[in-house]
Amino acid sequence: MSNTTDIQTFISSLEAGVFKEKVSHLLSDVALGQVVHGAGNRKGKLTIDLTFQRVGENNQVMVSSKLTHTTLTRRGSKSETASNETPFYVGKGGVLTIEQPQEEFNGQFTLVQQN
């Protein structure tokens, strides 16, 4: 097992999968607004901001996800910000997972194996 976080699983786990759907929708919305209304130097924008904060004294972090977008419209632009939080466990090597790691005999954490 690799000691890095699987990005696809991480993104799918944020906000119980809603984050991934939001990003997918906003990518299409901002791109379409740019093609239809992006004359001159006008630009659409999608910003993804992830903030990590330790939860108590255990091996958990709270990941705050924030999506901010500016989508071009016919007469200007529309902007919106959406924020949410998802708790993650930090396993061996810093691997982020929704499942609680299992402590090994040597005191290290590994991910719980799913059968």
Protein backbone atom coordinates (compact mmCIF):
# COMPACT_ATOMS: atom_id res chain seq x y z
CA MET A 1 0.00 0.00 0.00
CA SER A 2 1.28 3.44 -0.88
CA ASN A 3 1.76 6.07 1.82
CA THR A 4 0.02 8.78 -0.16
CA THR A 5 -3.63 9.79 -0.30
CA ASP A 6 -5.61 8.49 -3.26
CA ILE A 7 -6.90 11.75 -4.77
CA GLN A 8 -9.95 10.17 -6.44
CA THR A 9 -11.10 8.59 -3.18
CA PHE A 10 -10.37 11.80 -1.26
CA ILE A 11 -12.38 14.03 -3.63
CA SER A 12 -15.22 11.48 -3.70
CA SER A 13 -15.27 11.43 0.11
CA LEU A 14 -15.48 15.20 0.60
CA GLU A 15 -19.00 16.20 1.64
CA ALA A 16 -20.10 12.56 1.11
CA GLY A 17 -19.60 12.88 -2.66
CA VAL A 18 -21.44 16.18 -3.06
CA PHE A 19 -18.18 18.13 -3.47
CA LYS A 20 -17.25 16.13 -6.57
CA GLU A 21 -20.68 16.79 -8.09
CA LYS A 22 -20.42 20.52 -7.32
CA VAL A 23 -16.99 20.76 -8.97
CA SER A 24 -18.21 18.84 -12.02
CA HIS A 25 -21.23 21.14 -12.41
CA LEU A 26 -19.24 24.34 -11.84
CA LEU A 27 -16.50 23.37 -14.30
CA SER A 28 -19.12 23.00 -17.02
CA ASP A 29 -21.02 26.14 -15.97
CA VAL A 30 -17.94 28.40 -15.87
CA ALA A 31 -16.60 27.01 -19.17
CA LEU A 32 -19.95 27.47 -20.91
CA GLY A 33 -20.27 31.03 -19.60
CA GLN A 34 -16.80 31.77 -20.93
CA VAL A 35 -17.57 30.42 -24.40
CA VAL A 36 -20.93 32.17 -24.68
CA HIS A 37 -20.16 35.49 -22.92
CA GLY A 38 -16.34 35.71 -22.74
CA ALA A 39 -15.65 38.53 -25.19
CA GLY A 40 -12.51 40.60 -24.65
CA ASN A 41 -10.59 40.17 -21.43
CA ARG A 42 -13.51 38.86 -19.36
CA LYS A 43 -12.64 35.65 -17.53
CA GLY A 44 -14.55 33.07 -15.54
CA LYS A 45 -12.98 31.54 -12.47
CA LEU A 46 -13.34 28.50 -10.19
CA THR A 47 -11.33 28.40 -6.96
CA ILE A 48 -10.99 25.32 -4.76
CA ASP A 49 -9.76 26.02 -1.22
CA LEU A 50 -9.00 23.20 1.25
CA THR A 51 -8.15 24.02 4.87
CA PHE A 52 -7.01 21.43 7.41
CA GLN A 53 -7.50 21.67 11.18
CA ARG A 54 -6.67 19.03 13.76
CA VAL A 55 -9.60 17.61 15.73
CA GLY A 56 -8.71 17.29 19.42
CA GLU A 57 -5.66 15.21 20.31
CA ASN A 58 -6.35 12.23 18.05
CA ASN A 59 -5.44 11.30 14.49
CA GLN A 60 -8.26 13.23 12.82
CA VAL A 61 -8.38 16.43 10.80
CA MET A 62 -11.36 18.49 9.73
CA VAL A 63 -11.07 19.37 6.05
CA SER A 64 -12.92 22.57 5.22
CA SER A 65 -13.73 22.72 1.52
CA LYS A 66 -14.66 25.98 -0.15
CA LEU A 67 -15.69 26.47 -3.77
CA THR A 68 -15.85 29.97 -5.17
CA HIS A 69 -16.84 30.63 -8.76
CA THR A 70 -17.40 33.54 -11.09
CA THR A 71 -19.45 32.67 -14.15
CA LEU A 72 -19.87 35.14 -16.98
CA THR A 73 -23.40 36.15 -17.96
CA ARG A 74 -24.82 38.28 -20.75
CA ARG A 75 -24.77 41.46 -18.67
CA GLY A 76 -21.91 40.77 -16.27
CA SER A 77 -21.17 37.81 -14.04
CA LYS A 78 -22.57 35.78 -11.17
CA SER A 79 -20.55 34.65 -8.18
CA GLU A 80 -21.17 32.22 -5.36
CA THR A 81 -19.23 30.60 -2.54
CA ALA A 82 -20.10 27.21 -1.03
CA SER A 83 -18.37 25.85 2.09
CA ASN A 84 -18.55 22.61 4.03
CA GLU A 85 -16.51 20.43 6.38
CA THR A 86 -15.62 16.73 6.34
CA PRO A 87 -13.72 14.84 9.06
CA PHE A 88 -10.90 12.54 7.90
CA TYR A 89 -8.61 10.15 9.73
CA VAL A 90 -4.87 10.44 9.15
CA GLY A 91 -3.22 7.04 8.73
CA LYS A 92 0.35 5.86 8.30
CA GLY A 93 2.39 8.29 6.21
CA GLY A 94 -0.38 10.90 6.31
CA VAL A 95 -2.90 8.97 4.21
CA LEU A 96 -6.32 10.61 4.53
CA THR A 97 -9.33 8.32 4.75
CA ILE A 98 -12.90 8.33 5.99
CA GLU A 99 -12.37 4.92 7.66
CA GLN A 100 -10.58 4.83 11.00
CA PRO A 101 -7.03 3.43 10.76
CA GLN A 102 -6.19 0.33 12.77
CA GLU A 103 -3.17 0.53 15.05
CA GLU A 104 -0.46 -2.06 14.40
CA PHE A 105 1.72 -3.70 17.03
CA ASN A 106 4.54 -1.20 16.37
CA GLY A 107 2.27 1.79 17.12
CA GLN A 108 1.80 2.85 13.52
CA PHE A 109 -1.58 3.37 11.91
CA THR A 110 -2.71 1.57 8.77
CA LEU A 111 -5.99 1.76 6.94
CA VAL A 112 -8.68 -0.69 7.95
CA GLN A 113 -8.92 -3.38 5.29
CA GLN A 114 -12.38 -3.79 3.75
CA ASN A 115 -13.47 -7.35 2.94
